[in-house]
PDBML (XML) file of the C-alpha atoms, coordinates in Angstrom:
<?xml version="1.0" encoding="UTF-8" ?>
<PDBx:datablock datablockName="MODEL"
   xmlns:PDBx="http://pdbml.pdb.org/schema/pdbx-v50.xsd"
   xmlns:xsi="http://www.w3.org/2001/XMLSchema-instance"
   xsi:schemaLocation="http://pdbml.pdb.org/schema/pdbx-v50.xsd pdbx-v50.xsd">
   <PDBx:atom_siteCategory>
      <PDBx:atom_site id="1">
         <PDBx:B_iso_or_equiv>0.00</PDBx:B_iso_or_equiv>
         <PDBx:Cartn_x>1.981</PDBx:Cartn_x>
         <PDBx:Cartn_y>18.713</PDBx:Cartn_y>
         <PDBx:Cartn_z>-4.345</PDBx:Cartn_z>
         <PDBx:auth_asym_id>A</PDBx:auth_asym_id>
         <PDBx:auth_atom_id>CA</PDBx:auth_atom_id>
         <PDBx:auth_comp_id>ALA</PDBx:auth_comp_id>
         <PDBx:auth_seq_id>1</PDBx:auth_seq_id>
         <PDBx:group_PDB>ATOM</PDBx:group_PDB>
         <PDBx:label_alt_id xsi:nil="true" />
         <PDBx:label_asym_id>A</PDBx:label_asym_id>
         <PDBx:label_atom_id>CA</PDBx:label_atom_id>
         <PDBx:label_comp_id>ALA</PDBx:label_comp_id>
         <PDBx:label_entity_id>1</PDBx:label_entity_id>
         <PDBx:label_seq_id>1</PDBx:label_seq_id>
         <PDBx:occupancy>1.00</PDBx:occupancy>
         <PDBx:pdbx_PDB_model_num>1</PDBx:pdbx_PDB_model_num>
         <PDBx:type_symbol>C</PDBx:type_symbol>
      </PDBx:atom_site>
      <PDBx:atom_site id="2">
         <PDBx:B_iso_or_equiv>0.00</PDBx:B_iso_or_equiv>
         <PDBx:Cartn_x>1.812</PDBx:Cartn_x>
         <PDBx:Cartn_y>16.702</PDBx:Cartn_y>
         <PDBx:Cartn_z>-1.129</PDBx:Cartn_z>
         <PDBx:auth_asym_id>A</PDBx:auth_asym_id>
         <PDBx:auth_atom_id>CA</PDBx:auth_atom_id>
         <PDBx:auth_comp_id>LYS</PDBx:auth_comp_id>
         <PDBx:auth_seq_id>2</PDBx:auth_seq_id>
         <PDBx:group_PDB>ATOM</PDBx:group_PDB>
         <PDBx:label_alt_id xsi:nil="true" />
         <PDBx:label_asym_id>A</PDBx:label_asym_id>
         <PDBx:label_atom_id>CA</PDBx:label_atom_id>
         <PDBx:label_comp_id>LYS</PDBx:label_comp_id>
         <PDBx:label_entity_id>1</PDBx:label_entity_id>
         <PDBx:label_seq_id>2</PDBx:label_seq_id>
         <PDBx:occupancy>1.00</PDBx:occupancy>
         <PDBx:pdbx_PDB_model_num>1</PDBx:pdbx_PDB_model_num>
         <PDBx:type_symbol>C</PDBx:type_symbol>
      </PDBx:atom_site>
      <PDBx:atom_site id="3">
         <PDBx:B_iso_or_equiv>0.00</PDBx:B_iso_or_equiv>
         <PDBx:Cartn_x>4.662</PDBx:Cartn_x>
         <PDBx:Cartn_y>14.288</PDBx:Cartn_y>
         <PDBx:Cartn_z>-1.913</PDBx:Cartn_z>
         <PDBx:auth_asym_id>A</PDBx:auth_asym_id>
         <PDBx:auth_atom_id>CA</PDBx:auth_atom_id>
         <PDBx:auth_comp_id>ASN</PDBx:auth_comp_id>
         <PDBx:auth_seq_id>3</PDBx:auth_seq_id>
         <PDBx:group_PDB>ATOM</PDBx:group_PDB>
         <PDBx:label_alt_id xsi:nil="true" />
         <PDBx:label_asym_id>A</PDBx:label_asym_id>
         <PDBx:label_atom_id>CA</PDBx:label_atom_id>
         <PDBx:label_comp_id>ASN</PDBx:label_comp_id>
         <PDBx:label_entity_id>1</PDBx:label_entity_id>
         <PDBx:label_seq_id>3</PDBx:label_seq_id>
         <PDBx:occupancy>1.00</PDBx:occupancy>
         <PDBx:pdbx_PDB_model_num>1</PDBx:pdbx_PDB_model_num>
         <PDBx:type_symbol>C</PDBx:type_symbol>
      </PDBx:atom_site>
      <PDBx:atom_site id="4">
         <PDBx:B_iso_or_equiv>0.00</PDBx:B_iso_or_equiv>
         <PDBx:Cartn_x>2.363</PDBx:Cartn_x>
         <PDBx:Cartn_y>11.405</PDBx:Cartn_y>
         <PDBx:Cartn_z>-1.137</PDBx:Cartn_z>
         <PDBx:auth_asym_id>A</PDBx:auth_asym_id>
         <PDBx:auth_atom_id>CA</PDBx:auth_atom_id>
         <PDBx:auth_comp_id>SER</PDBx:auth_comp_id>
         <PDBx:auth_seq_id>4</PDBx:auth_seq_id>
         <PDBx:group_PDB>ATOM</PDBx:group_PDB>
         <PDBx:label_alt_id xsi:nil="true" />
         <PDBx:label_asym_id>A</PDBx:label_asym_id>
         <PDBx:label_atom_id>CA</PDBx:label_atom_id>
         <PDBx:label_comp_id>SER</PDBx:label_comp_id>
         <PDBx:label_entity_id>1</PDBx:label_entity_id>
         <PDBx:label_seq_id>4</PDBx:label_seq_id>
         <PDBx:occupancy>1.00</PDBx:occupancy>
         <PDBx:pdbx_PDB_model_num>1</PDBx:pdbx_PDB_model_num>
         <PDBx:type_symbol>C</PDBx:type_symbol>
      </PDBx:atom_site>
      <PDBx:atom_site id="5">
         <PDBx:B_iso_or_equiv>0.00</PDBx:B_iso_or_equiv>
         <PDBx:Cartn_x>1.452</PDBx:Cartn_x>
         <PDBx:Cartn_y>8.046</PDBx:Cartn_y>
         <PDBx:Cartn_z>-2.636</PDBx:Cartn_z>
         <PDBx:auth_asym_id>A</PDBx:auth_asym_id>
         <PDBx:auth_atom_id>CA</PDBx:auth_atom_id>
         <PDBx:auth_comp_id>ALA</PDBx:auth_comp_id>
         <PDBx:auth_seq_id>5</PDBx:auth_seq_id>
         <PDBx:group_PDB>ATOM</PDBx:group_PDB>
         <PDBx:label_alt_id xsi:nil="true" />
         <PDBx:label_asym_id>A</PDBx:label_asym_id>
         <PDBx:label_atom_id>CA</PDBx:label_atom_id>
         <PDBx:label_comp_id>ALA</PDBx:label_comp_id>
         <PDBx:label_entity_id>1</PDBx:label_entity_id>
         <PDBx:label_seq_id>5</PDBx:label_seq_id>
         <PDBx:occupancy>1.00</PDBx:occupancy>
         <PDBx:pdbx_PDB_model_num>1</PDBx:pdbx_PDB_model_num>
         <PDBx:type_symbol>C</PDBx:type_symbol>
      </PDBx:atom_site>
      <PDBx:atom_site id="6">
         <PDBx:B_iso_or_equiv>0.00</PDBx:B_iso_or_equiv>
         <PDBx:Cartn_x>-1.884</PDBx:Cartn_x>
         <PDBx:Cartn_y>6.339</PDBx:Cartn_y>
         <PDBx:Cartn_z>-2.067</PDBx:Cartn_z>
         <PDBx:auth_asym_id>A</PDBx:auth_asym_id>
         <PDBx:auth_atom_id>CA</PDBx:auth_atom_id>
         <PDBx:auth_comp_id>VAL</PDBx:auth_comp_id>
         <PDBx:auth_seq_id>6</PDBx:auth_seq_id>
         <PDBx:group_PDB>ATOM</PDBx:group_PDB>
         <PDBx:label_alt_id xsi:nil="true" />
         <PDBx:label_asym_id>A</PDBx:label_asym_id>
         <PDBx:label_atom_id>CA</PDBx:label_atom_id>
         <PDBx:label_comp_id>VAL</PDBx:label_comp_id>
         <PDBx:label_entity_id>1</PDBx:label_entity_id>
         <PDBx:label_seq_id>6</PDBx:label_seq_id>
         <PDBx:occupancy>1.00</PDBx:occupancy>
         <PDBx:pdbx_PDB_model_num>1</PDBx:pdbx_PDB_model_num>
         <PDBx:type_symbol>C</PDBx:type_symbol>
      </PDBx:atom_site>
      <PDBx:atom_site id="7">
         <PDBx:B_iso_or_equiv>0.00</PDBx:B_iso_or_equiv>
         <PDBx:Cartn_x>-2.427</PDBx:Cartn_x>
         <PDBx:Cartn_y>2.626</PDBx:Cartn_y>
         <PDBx:Cartn_z>-2.550</PDBx:Cartn_z>
         <PDBx:auth_asym_id>A</PDBx:auth_asym_id>
         <PDBx:auth_atom_id>CA</PDBx:auth_atom_id>
         <PDBx:auth_comp_id>LEU</PDBx:auth_comp_id>
         <PDBx:auth_seq_id>7</PDBx:auth_seq_id>
         <PDBx:group_PDB>ATOM</PDBx:group_PDB>
         <PDBx:label_alt_id xsi:nil="true" />
         <PDBx:label_asym_id>A</PDBx:label_asym_id>
         <PDBx:label_atom_id>CA</PDBx:label_atom_id>
         <PDBx:label_comp_id>LEU</PDBx:label_comp_id>
         <PDBx:label_entity_id>1</PDBx:label_entity_id>
         <PDBx:label_seq_id>7</PDBx:label_seq_id>
         <PDBx:occupancy>1.00</PDBx:occupancy>
         <PDBx:pdbx_PDB_model_num>1</PDBx:pdbx_PDB_model_num>
         <PDBx:type_symbol>C</PDBx:type_symbol>
      </PDBx:atom_site>
      <PDBx:atom_site id="8">
         <PDBx:B_iso_or_equiv>0.00</PDBx:B_iso_or_equiv>
         <PDBx:Cartn_x>-6.110</PDBx:Cartn_x>
         <PDBx:Cartn_y>1.793</PDBx:Cartn_y>
         <PDBx:Cartn_z>-2.858</PDBx:Cartn_z>
         <PDBx:auth_asym_id>A</PDBx:auth_asym_id>
         <PDBx:auth_atom_id>CA</PDBx:auth_atom_id>
         <PDBx:auth_comp_id>GLU</PDBx:auth_comp_id>
         <PDBx:auth_seq_id>8</PDBx:auth_seq_id>
         <PDBx:group_PDB>ATOM</PDBx:group_PDB>
         <PDBx:label_alt_id xsi:nil="true" />
         <PDBx:label_asym_id>A</PDBx:label_asym_id>
         <PDBx:label_atom_id>CA</PDBx:label_atom_id>
         <PDBx:label_comp_id>GLU</PDBx:label_comp_id>
         <PDBx:label_entity_id>1</PDBx:label_entity_id>
         <PDBx:label_seq_id>8</PDBx:label_seq_id>
         <PDBx:occupancy>1.00</PDBx:occupancy>
         <PDBx:pdbx_PDB_model_num>1</PDBx:pdbx_PDB_model_num>
         <PDBx:type_symbol>C</PDBx:type_symbol>
      </PDBx:atom_site>
      <PDBx:atom_site id="9">
         <PDBx:B_iso_or_equiv>0.00</PDBx:B_iso_or_equiv>
         <PDBx:Cartn_x>-6.679</PDBx:Cartn_x>
         <PDBx:Cartn_y>-1.900</PDBx:Cartn_y>
         <PDBx:Cartn_z>-2.299</PDBx:Cartn_z>
         <PDBx:auth_asym_id>A</PDBx:auth_asym_id>
         <PDBx:auth_atom_id>CA</PDBx:auth_atom_id>
         <PDBx:auth_comp_id>MET</PDBx:auth_comp_id>
         <PDBx:auth_seq_id>9</PDBx:auth_seq_id>
         <PDBx:group_PDB>ATOM</PDBx:group_PDB>
         <PDBx:label_alt_id xsi:nil="true" />
         <PDBx:label_asym_id>A</PDBx:label_asym_id>
         <PDBx:label_atom_id>CA</PDBx:label_atom_id>
         <PDBx:label_comp_id>MET</PDBx:label_comp_id>
         <PDBx:label_entity_id>1</PDBx:label_entity_id>
         <PDBx:label_seq_id>9</PDBx:label_seq_id>
         <PDBx:occupancy>1.00</PDBx:occupancy>
         <PDBx:pdbx_PDB_model_num>1</PDBx:pdbx_PDB_model_num>
         <PDBx:type_symbol>C</PDBx:type_symbol>
      </PDBx:atom_site>
      <PDBx:atom_site id="10">
         <PDBx:B_iso_or_equiv>0.00</PDBx:B_iso_or_equiv>
         <PDBx:Cartn_x>-9.899</PDBx:Cartn_x>
         <PDBx:Cartn_y>-3.745</PDBx:Cartn_y>
         <PDBx:Cartn_z>-3.028</PDBx:Cartn_z>
         <PDBx:auth_asym_id>A</PDBx:auth_asym_id>
         <PDBx:auth_atom_id>CA</PDBx:auth_atom_id>
         <PDBx:auth_comp_id>SER</PDBx:auth_comp_id>
         <PDBx:auth_seq_id>10</PDBx:auth_seq_id>
         <PDBx:group_PDB>ATOM</PDBx:group_PDB>
         <PDBx:label_alt_id xsi:nil="true" />
         <PDBx:label_asym_id>A</PDBx:label_asym_id>
         <PDBx:label_atom_id>CA</PDBx:label_atom_id>
         <PDBx:label_comp_id>SER</PDBx:label_comp_id>
         <PDBx:label_entity_id>1</PDBx:label_entity_id>
         <PDBx:label_seq_id>10</PDBx:label_seq_id>
         <PDBx:occupancy>1.00</PDBx:occupancy>
         <PDBx:pdbx_PDB_model_num>1</PDBx:pdbx_PDB_model_num>
         <PDBx:type_symbol>C</PDBx:type_symbol>
      </PDBx:atom_site>
      <PDBx:atom_site id="11">
         <PDBx:B_iso_or_equiv>0.00</PDBx:B_iso_or_equiv>
         <PDBx:Cartn_x>-10.989</PDBx:Cartn_x>
         <PDBx:Cartn_y>-7.381</PDBx:Cartn_y>
         <PDBx:Cartn_z>-3.096</PDBx:Cartn_z>
         <PDBx:auth_asym_id>A</PDBx:auth_asym_id>
         <PDBx:auth_atom_id>CA</PDBx:auth_atom_id>
         <PDBx:auth_comp_id>SER</PDBx:auth_comp_id>
         <PDBx:auth_seq_id>11</PDBx:auth_seq_id>
         <PDBx:group_PDB>ATOM</PDBx:group_PDB>
         <PDBx:label_alt_id xsi:nil="true" />
         <PDBx:label_asym_id>A</PDBx:label_asym_id>
         <PDBx:label_atom_id>CA</PDBx:label_atom_id>
         <PDBx:label_comp_id>SER</PDBx:label_comp_id>
         <PDBx:label_entity_id>1</PDBx:label_entity_id>
         <PDBx:label_seq_id>11</PDBx:label_seq_id>
         <PDBx:occupancy>1.00</PDBx:occupancy>
         <PDBx:pdbx_PDB_model_num>1</PDBx:pdbx_PDB_model_num>
         <PDBx:type_symbol>C</PDBx:type_symbol>
      </PDBx:atom_site>
      <PDBx:atom_site id="12">
         <PDBx:B_iso_or_equiv>0.00</PDBx:B_iso_or_equiv>
         <PDBx:Cartn_x>-8.527</PDBx:Cartn_x>
         <PDBx:Cartn_y>-8.120</PDBx:Cartn_y>
         <PDBx:Cartn_z>-0.336</PDBx:Cartn_z>
         <PDBx:auth_asym_id>A</PDBx:auth_asym_id>
         <PDBx:auth_atom_id>CA</PDBx:auth_atom_id>
         <PDBx:auth_comp_id>LEU</PDBx:auth_comp_id>
         <PDBx:auth_seq_id>12</PDBx:auth_seq_id>
         <PDBx:group_PDB>ATOM</PDBx:group_PDB>
         <PDBx:label_alt_id xsi:nil="true" />
         <PDBx:label_asym_id>A</PDBx:label_asym_id>
         <PDBx:label_atom_id>CA</PDBx:label_atom_id>
         <PDBx:label_comp_id>LEU</PDBx:label_comp_id>
         <PDBx:label_entity_id>1</PDBx:label_entity_id>
         <PDBx:label_seq_id>12</PDBx:label_seq_id>
         <PDBx:occupancy>1.00</PDBx:occupancy>
         <PDBx:pdbx_PDB_model_num>1</PDBx:pdbx_PDB_model_num>
         <PDBx:type_symbol>C</PDBx:type_symbol>
      </PDBx:atom_site>
      <PDBx:atom_site id="13">
         <PDBx:B_iso_or_equiv>0.00</PDBx:B_iso_or_equiv>
         <PDBx:Cartn_x>-7.597</PDBx:Cartn_x>
         <PDBx:Cartn_y>-11.712</PDBx:Cartn_y>
         <PDBx:Cartn_z>0.365</PDBx:Cartn_z>
         <PDBx:auth_asym_id>A</PDBx:auth_asym_id>
         <PDBx:auth_atom_id>CA</PDBx:auth_atom_id>
         <PDBx:auth_comp_id>ARG</PDBx:auth_comp_id>
         <PDBx:auth_seq_id>13</PDBx:auth_seq_id>
         <PDBx:group_PDB>ATOM</PDBx:group_PDB>
         <PDBx:label_alt_id xsi:nil="true" />
         <PDBx:label_asym_id>A</PDBx:label_asym_id>
         <PDBx:label_atom_id>CA</PDBx:label_atom_id>
         <PDBx:label_comp_id>ARG</PDBx:label_comp_id>
         <PDBx:label_entity_id>1</PDBx:label_entity_id>
         <PDBx:label_seq_id>13</PDBx:label_seq_id>
         <PDBx:occupancy>1.00</PDBx:occupancy>
         <PDBx:pdbx_PDB_model_num>1</PDBx:pdbx_PDB_model_num>
         <PDBx:type_symbol>C</PDBx:type_symbol>
      </PDBx:atom_site>
      <PDBx:atom_site id="14">
         <PDBx:B_iso_or_equiv>0.00</PDBx:B_iso_or_equiv>
         <PDBx:Cartn_x>-6.183</PDBx:Cartn_x>
         <PDBx:Cartn_y>-13.402</PDBx:Cartn_y>
         <PDBx:Cartn_z>3.461</PDBx:Cartn_z>
         <PDBx:auth_asym_id>A</PDBx:auth_asym_id>
         <PDBx:auth_atom_id>CA</PDBx:auth_atom_id>
         <PDBx:auth_comp_id>PRO</PDBx:auth_comp_id>
         <PDBx:auth_seq_id>14</PDBx:auth_seq_id>
         <PDBx:group_PDB>ATOM</PDBx:group_PDB>
         <PDBx:label_alt_id xsi:nil="true" />
         <PDBx:label_asym_id>A</PDBx:label_asym_id>
         <PDBx:label_atom_id>CA</PDBx:label_atom_id>
         <PDBx:label_comp_id>PRO</PDBx:label_comp_id>
         <PDBx:label_entity_id>1</PDBx:label_entity_id>
         <PDBx:label_seq_id>14</PDBx:label_seq_id>
         <PDBx:occupancy>1.00</PDBx:occupancy>
         <PDBx:pdbx_PDB_model_num>1</PDBx:pdbx_PDB_model_num>
         <PDBx:type_symbol>C</PDBx:type_symbol>
      </PDBx:atom_site>
      <PDBx:atom_site id="15">
         <PDBx:B_iso_or_equiv>0.00</PDBx:B_iso_or_equiv>
         <PDBx:Cartn_x>-2.898</PDBx:Cartn_x>
         <PDBx:Cartn_y>-13.852</PDBx:Cartn_y>
         <PDBx:Cartn_z>1.602</PDBx:Cartn_z>
         <PDBx:auth_asym_id>A</PDBx:auth_asym_id>
         <PDBx:auth_atom_id>CA</PDBx:auth_atom_id>
         <PDBx:auth_comp_id>GLU</PDBx:auth_comp_id>
         <PDBx:auth_seq_id>15</PDBx:auth_seq_id>
         <PDBx:group_PDB>ATOM</PDBx:group_PDB>
         <PDBx:label_alt_id xsi:nil="true" />
         <PDBx:label_asym_id>A</PDBx:label_asym_id>
         <PDBx:label_atom_id>CA</PDBx:label_atom_id>
         <PDBx:label_comp_id>GLU</PDBx:label_comp_id>
         <PDBx:label_entity_id>1</PDBx:label_entity_id>
         <PDBx:label_seq_id>15</PDBx:label_seq_id>
         <PDBx:occupancy>1.00</PDBx:occupancy>
         <PDBx:pdbx_PDB_model_num>1</PDBx:pdbx_PDB_model_num>
         <PDBx:type_symbol>C</PDBx:type_symbol>
      </PDBx:atom_site>
      <PDBx:atom_site id="16">
         <PDBx:B_iso_or_equiv>0.00</PDBx:B_iso_or_equiv>
         <PDBx:Cartn_x>-2.632</PDBx:Cartn_x>
         <PDBx:Cartn_y>-10.058</PDBx:Cartn_y>
         <PDBx:Cartn_z>1.412</PDBx:Cartn_z>
         <PDBx:auth_asym_id>A</PDBx:auth_asym_id>
         <PDBx:auth_atom_id>CA</PDBx:auth_atom_id>
         <PDBx:auth_comp_id>ASP</PDBx:auth_comp_id>
         <PDBx:auth_seq_id>16</PDBx:auth_seq_id>
         <PDBx:group_PDB>ATOM</PDBx:group_PDB>
         <PDBx:label_alt_id xsi:nil="true" />
         <PDBx:label_asym_id>A</PDBx:label_asym_id>
         <PDBx:label_atom_id>CA</PDBx:label_atom_id>
         <PDBx:label_comp_id>ASP</PDBx:label_comp_id>
         <PDBx:label_entity_id>1</PDBx:label_entity_id>
         <PDBx:label_seq_id>16</PDBx:label_seq_id>
         <PDBx:occupancy>1.00</PDBx:occupancy>
         <PDBx:pdbx_PDB_model_num>1</PDBx:pdbx_PDB_model_num>
         <PDBx:type_symbol>C</PDBx:type_symbol>
      </PDBx:atom_site>
      <PDBx:atom_site id="17">
         <PDBx:B_iso_or_equiv>0.00</PDBx:B_iso_or_equiv>
         <PDBx:Cartn_x>-2.009</PDBx:Cartn_x>
         <PDBx:Cartn_y>-10.037</PDBx:Cartn_y>
         <PDBx:Cartn_z>5.166</PDBx:Cartn_z>
         <PDBx:auth_asym_id>A</PDBx:auth_asym_id>
         <PDBx:auth_atom_id>CA</PDBx:auth_atom_id>
         <PDBx:auth_comp_id>THR</PDBx:auth_comp_id>
         <PDBx:auth_seq_id>17</PDBx:auth_seq_id>
         <PDBx:group_PDB>ATOM</PDBx:group_PDB>
         <PDBx:label_alt_id xsi:nil="true" />
         <PDBx:label_asym_id>A</PDBx:label_asym_id>
         <PDBx:label_atom_id>CA</PDBx:label_atom_id>
         <PDBx:label_comp_id>THR</PDBx:label_comp_id>
         <PDBx:label_entity_id>1</PDBx:label_entity_id>
         <PDBx:label_seq_id>17</PDBx:label_seq_id>
         <PDBx:occupancy>1.00</PDBx:occupancy>
         <PDBx:pdbx_PDB_model_num>1</PDBx:pdbx_PDB_model_num>
         <PDBx:type_symbol>C</PDBx:type_symbol>
      </PDBx:atom_site>
      <PDBx:atom_site id="18">
         <PDBx:B_iso_or_equiv>0.00</PDBx:B_iso_or_equiv>
         <PDBx:Cartn_x>1.390</PDBx:Cartn_x>
         <PDBx:Cartn_y>-8.448</PDBx:Cartn_y>
         <PDBx:Cartn_z>5.769</PDBx:Cartn_z>
         <PDBx:auth_asym_id>A</PDBx:auth_asym_id>
         <PDBx:auth_atom_id>CA</PDBx:auth_atom_id>
         <PDBx:auth_comp_id>ALA</PDBx:auth_comp_id>
         <PDBx:auth_seq_id>18</PDBx:auth_seq_id>
         <PDBx:group_PDB>ATOM</PDBx:group_PDB>
         <PDBx:label_alt_id xsi:nil="true" />
         <PDBx:label_asym_id>A</PDBx:label_asym_id>
         <PDBx:label_atom_id>CA</PDBx:label_atom_id>
         <PDBx:label_comp_id>ALA</PDBx:label_comp_id>
         <PDBx:label_entity_id>1</PDBx:label_entity_id>
         <PDBx:label_seq_id>18</PDBx:label_seq_id>
         <PDBx:occupancy>1.00</PDBx:occupancy>
         <PDBx:pdbx_PDB_model_num>1</PDBx:pdbx_PDB_model_num>
         <PDBx:type_symbol>C</PDBx:type_symbol>
      </PDBx:atom_site>
      <PDBx:atom_site id="19">
         <PDBx:B_iso_or_equiv>0.00</PDBx:B_iso_or_equiv>
         <PDBx:Cartn_x>3.208</PDBx:Cartn_x>
         <PDBx:Cartn_y>-5.382</PDBx:Cartn_y>
         <PDBx:Cartn_z>6.971</PDBx:Cartn_z>
         <PDBx:auth_asym_id>A</PDBx:auth_asym_id>
         <PDBx:auth_atom_id>CA</PDBx:auth_atom_id>
         <PDBx:auth_comp_id>VAL</PDBx:auth_comp_id>
         <PDBx:auth_seq_id>19</PDBx:auth_seq_id>
         <PDBx:group_PDB>ATOM</PDBx:group_PDB>
         <PDBx:label_alt_id xsi:nil="true" />
         <PDBx:label_asym_id>A</PDBx:label_asym_id>
         <PDBx:label_atom_id>CA</PDBx:label_atom_id>
         <PDBx:label_comp_id>VAL</PDBx:label_comp_id>
         <PDBx:label_entity_id>1</PDBx:label_entity_id>
         <PDBx:label_seq_id>19</PDBx:label_seq_id>
         <PDBx:occupancy>1.00</PDBx:occupancy>
         <PDBx:pdbx_PDB_model_num>1</PDBx:pdbx_PDB_model_num>
         <PDBx:type_symbol>C</PDBx:type_symbol>
      </PDBx:atom_site>
      <PDBx:atom_site id="20">
         <PDBx:B_iso_or_equiv>0.00</PDBx:B_iso_or_equiv>
         <PDBx:Cartn_x>3.127</PDBx:Cartn_x>
         <PDBx:Cartn_y>-2.881</PDBx:Cartn_y>
         <PDBx:Cartn_z>4.141</PDBx:Cartn_z>
         <PDBx:auth_asym_id>A</PDBx:auth_asym_id>
         <PDBx:auth_atom_id>CA</PDBx:auth_atom_id>
         <PDBx:auth_comp_id>TYR</PDBx:auth_comp_id>
         <PDBx:auth_seq_id>20</PDBx:auth_seq_id>
         <PDBx:group_PDB>ATOM</PDBx:group_PDB>
         <PDBx:label_alt_id xsi:nil="true" />
         <PDBx:label_asym_id>A</PDBx:label_asym_id>
         <PDBx:label_atom_id>CA</PDBx:label_atom_id>
         <PDBx:label_comp_id>TYR</PDBx:label_comp_id>
         <PDBx:label_entity_id>1</PDBx:label_entity_id>
         <PDBx:label_seq_id>20</PDBx:label_seq_id>
         <PDBx:occupancy>1.00</PDBx:occupancy>
         <PDBx:pdbx_PDB_model_num>1</PDBx:pdbx_PDB_model_num>
         <PDBx:type_symbol>C</PDBx:type_symbol>
      </PDBx:atom_site>
      <PDBx:atom_site id="21">
         <PDBx:B_iso_or_equiv>0.00</PDBx:B_iso_or_equiv>
         <PDBx:Cartn_x>6.078</PDBx:Cartn_x>
         <PDBx:Cartn_y>-0.542</PDBx:Cartn_y>
         <PDBx:Cartn_z>3.680</PDBx:Cartn_z>
         <PDBx:auth_asym_id>A</PDBx:auth_asym_id>
         <PDBx:auth_atom_id>CA</PDBx:auth_atom_id>
         <PDBx:auth_comp_id>TYR</PDBx:auth_comp_id>
         <PDBx:auth_seq_id>21</PDBx:auth_seq_id>
         <PDBx:group_PDB>ATOM</PDBx:group_PDB>
         <PDBx:label_alt_id xsi:nil="true" />
         <PDBx:label_asym_id>A</PDBx:label_asym_id>
         <PDBx:label_atom_id>CA</PDBx:label_atom_id>
         <PDBx:label_comp_id>TYR</PDBx:label_comp_id>
         <PDBx:label_entity_id>1</PDBx:label_entity_id>
         <PDBx:label_seq_id>21</PDBx:label_seq_id>
         <PDBx:occupancy>1.00</PDBx:occupancy>
         <PDBx:pdbx_PDB_model_num>1</PDBx:pdbx_PDB_model_num>
         <PDBx:type_symbol>C</PDBx:type_symbol>
      </PDBx:atom_site>
      <PDBx:atom_site id="22">
         <PDBx:B_iso_or_equiv>0.00</PDBx:B_iso_or_equiv>
         <PDBx:Cartn_x>6.408</PDBx:Cartn_x>
         <PDBx:Cartn_y>2.636</PDBx:Cartn_y>
         <PDBx:Cartn_z>1.692</PDBx:Cartn_z>
         <PDBx:auth_asym_id>A</PDBx:auth_asym_id>
         <PDBx:auth_atom_id>CA</PDBx:auth_atom_id>
         <PDBx:auth_comp_id>CYS</PDBx:auth_comp_id>
         <PDBx:auth_seq_id>22</PDBx:auth_seq_id>
         <PDBx:group_PDB>ATOM</PDBx:group_PDB>
         <PDBx:label_alt_id xsi:nil="true" />
         <PDBx:label_asym_id>A</PDBx:label_asym_id>
         <PDBx:label_atom_id>CA</PDBx:label_atom_id>
         <PDBx:label_comp_id>CYS</PDBx:label_comp_id>
         <PDBx:label_entity_id>1</PDBx:label_entity_id>
         <PDBx:label_seq_id>22</PDBx:label_seq_id>
         <PDBx:occupancy>1.00</PDBx:occupancy>
         <PDBx:pdbx_PDB_model_num>1</PDBx:pdbx_PDB_model_num>
         <PDBx:type_symbol>C</PDBx:type_symbol>
      </PDBx:atom_site>
      <PDBx:atom_site id="23">
         <PDBx:B_iso_or_equiv>0.00</PDBx:B_iso_or_equiv>
         <PDBx:Cartn_x>9.725</PDBx:Cartn_x>
         <PDBx:Cartn_y>3.227</PDBx:Cartn_y>
         <PDBx:Cartn_z>-0.060</PDBx:Cartn_z>
         <PDBx:auth_asym_id>A</PDBx:auth_asym_id>
         <PDBx:auth_atom_id>CA</PDBx:auth_atom_id>
         <PDBx:auth_comp_id>ALA</PDBx:auth_comp_id>
         <PDBx:auth_seq_id>23</PDBx:auth_seq_id>
         <PDBx:group_PDB>ATOM</PDBx:group_PDB>
         <PDBx:label_alt_id xsi:nil="true" />
         <PDBx:label_asym_id>A</PDBx:label_asym_id>
         <PDBx:label_atom_id>CA</PDBx:label_atom_id>
         <PDBx:label_comp_id>ALA</PDBx:label_comp_id>
         <PDBx:label_entity_id>1</PDBx:label_entity_id>
         <PDBx:label_seq_id>23</PDBx:label_seq_id>
         <PDBx:occupancy>1.00</PDBx:occupancy>
         <PDBx:pdbx_PDB_model_num>1</PDBx:pdbx_PDB_model_num>
         <PDBx:type_symbol>C</PDBx:type_symbol>
      </PDBx:atom_site>
      <PDBx:atom_site id="24">
         <PDBx:B_iso_or_equiv>0.00</PDBx:B_iso_or_equiv>
         <PDBx:Cartn_x>11.408</PDBx:Cartn_x>
         <PDBx:Cartn_y>5.934</PDBx:Cartn_y>
         <PDBx:Cartn_z>-2.142</PDBx:Cartn_z>
         <PDBx:auth_asym_id>A</PDBx:auth_asym_id>
         <PDBx:auth_atom_id>CA</PDBx:auth_atom_id>
         <PDBx:auth_comp_id>VAL</PDBx:auth_comp_id>
         <PDBx:auth_seq_id>24</PDBx:auth_seq_id>
         <PDBx:group_PDB>ATOM</PDBx:group_PDB>
         <PDBx:label_alt_id xsi:nil="true" />
         <PDBx:label_asym_id>A</PDBx:label_asym_id>
         <PDBx:label_atom_id>CA</PDBx:label_atom_id>
         <PDBx:label_comp_id>VAL</PDBx:label_comp_id>
         <PDBx:label_entity_id>1</PDBx:label_entity_id>
         <PDBx:label_seq_id>24</PDBx:label_seq_id>
         <PDBx:occupancy>1.00</PDBx:occupancy>
         <PDBx:pdbx_PDB_model_num>1</PDBx:pdbx_PDB_model_num>
         <PDBx:type_symbol>C</PDBx:type_symbol>
      </PDBx:atom_site>
      <PDBx:atom_site id="25">
         <PDBx:B_iso_or_equiv>0.00</PDBx:B_iso_or_equiv>
         <PDBx:Cartn_x>14.220</PDBx:Cartn_x>
         <PDBx:Cartn_y>5.752</PDBx:Cartn_y>
         <PDBx:Cartn_z>-4.662</PDBx:Cartn_z>
         <PDBx:auth_asym_id>A</PDBx:auth_asym_id>
         <PDBx:auth_atom_id>CA</PDBx:auth_atom_id>
         <PDBx:auth_comp_id>ARG</PDBx:auth_comp_id>
         <PDBx:auth_seq_id>25</PDBx:auth_seq_id>
         <PDBx:group_PDB>ATOM</PDBx:group_PDB>
         <PDBx:label_alt_id xsi:nil="true" />
         <PDBx:label_asym_id>A</PDBx:label_asym_id>
         <PDBx:label_atom_id>CA</PDBx:label_atom_id>
         <PDBx:label_comp_id>ARG</PDBx:label_comp_id>
         <PDBx:label_entity_id>1</PDBx:label_entity_id>
         <PDBx:label_seq_id>25</PDBx:label_seq_id>
         <PDBx:occupancy>1.00</PDBx:occupancy>
         <PDBx:pdbx_PDB_model_num>1</PDBx:pdbx_PDB_model_num>
         <PDBx:type_symbol>C</PDBx:type_symbol>
      </PDBx:atom_site>
   </PDBx:atom_siteCategory>
</PDBx:datablock>
């Protein structure tokens, strides 16, 4: 209904450090 996507991240690690991009196809 909102045309949205939610990424819930837990147990984050230093190697998860990055710029996160949303994409559509």
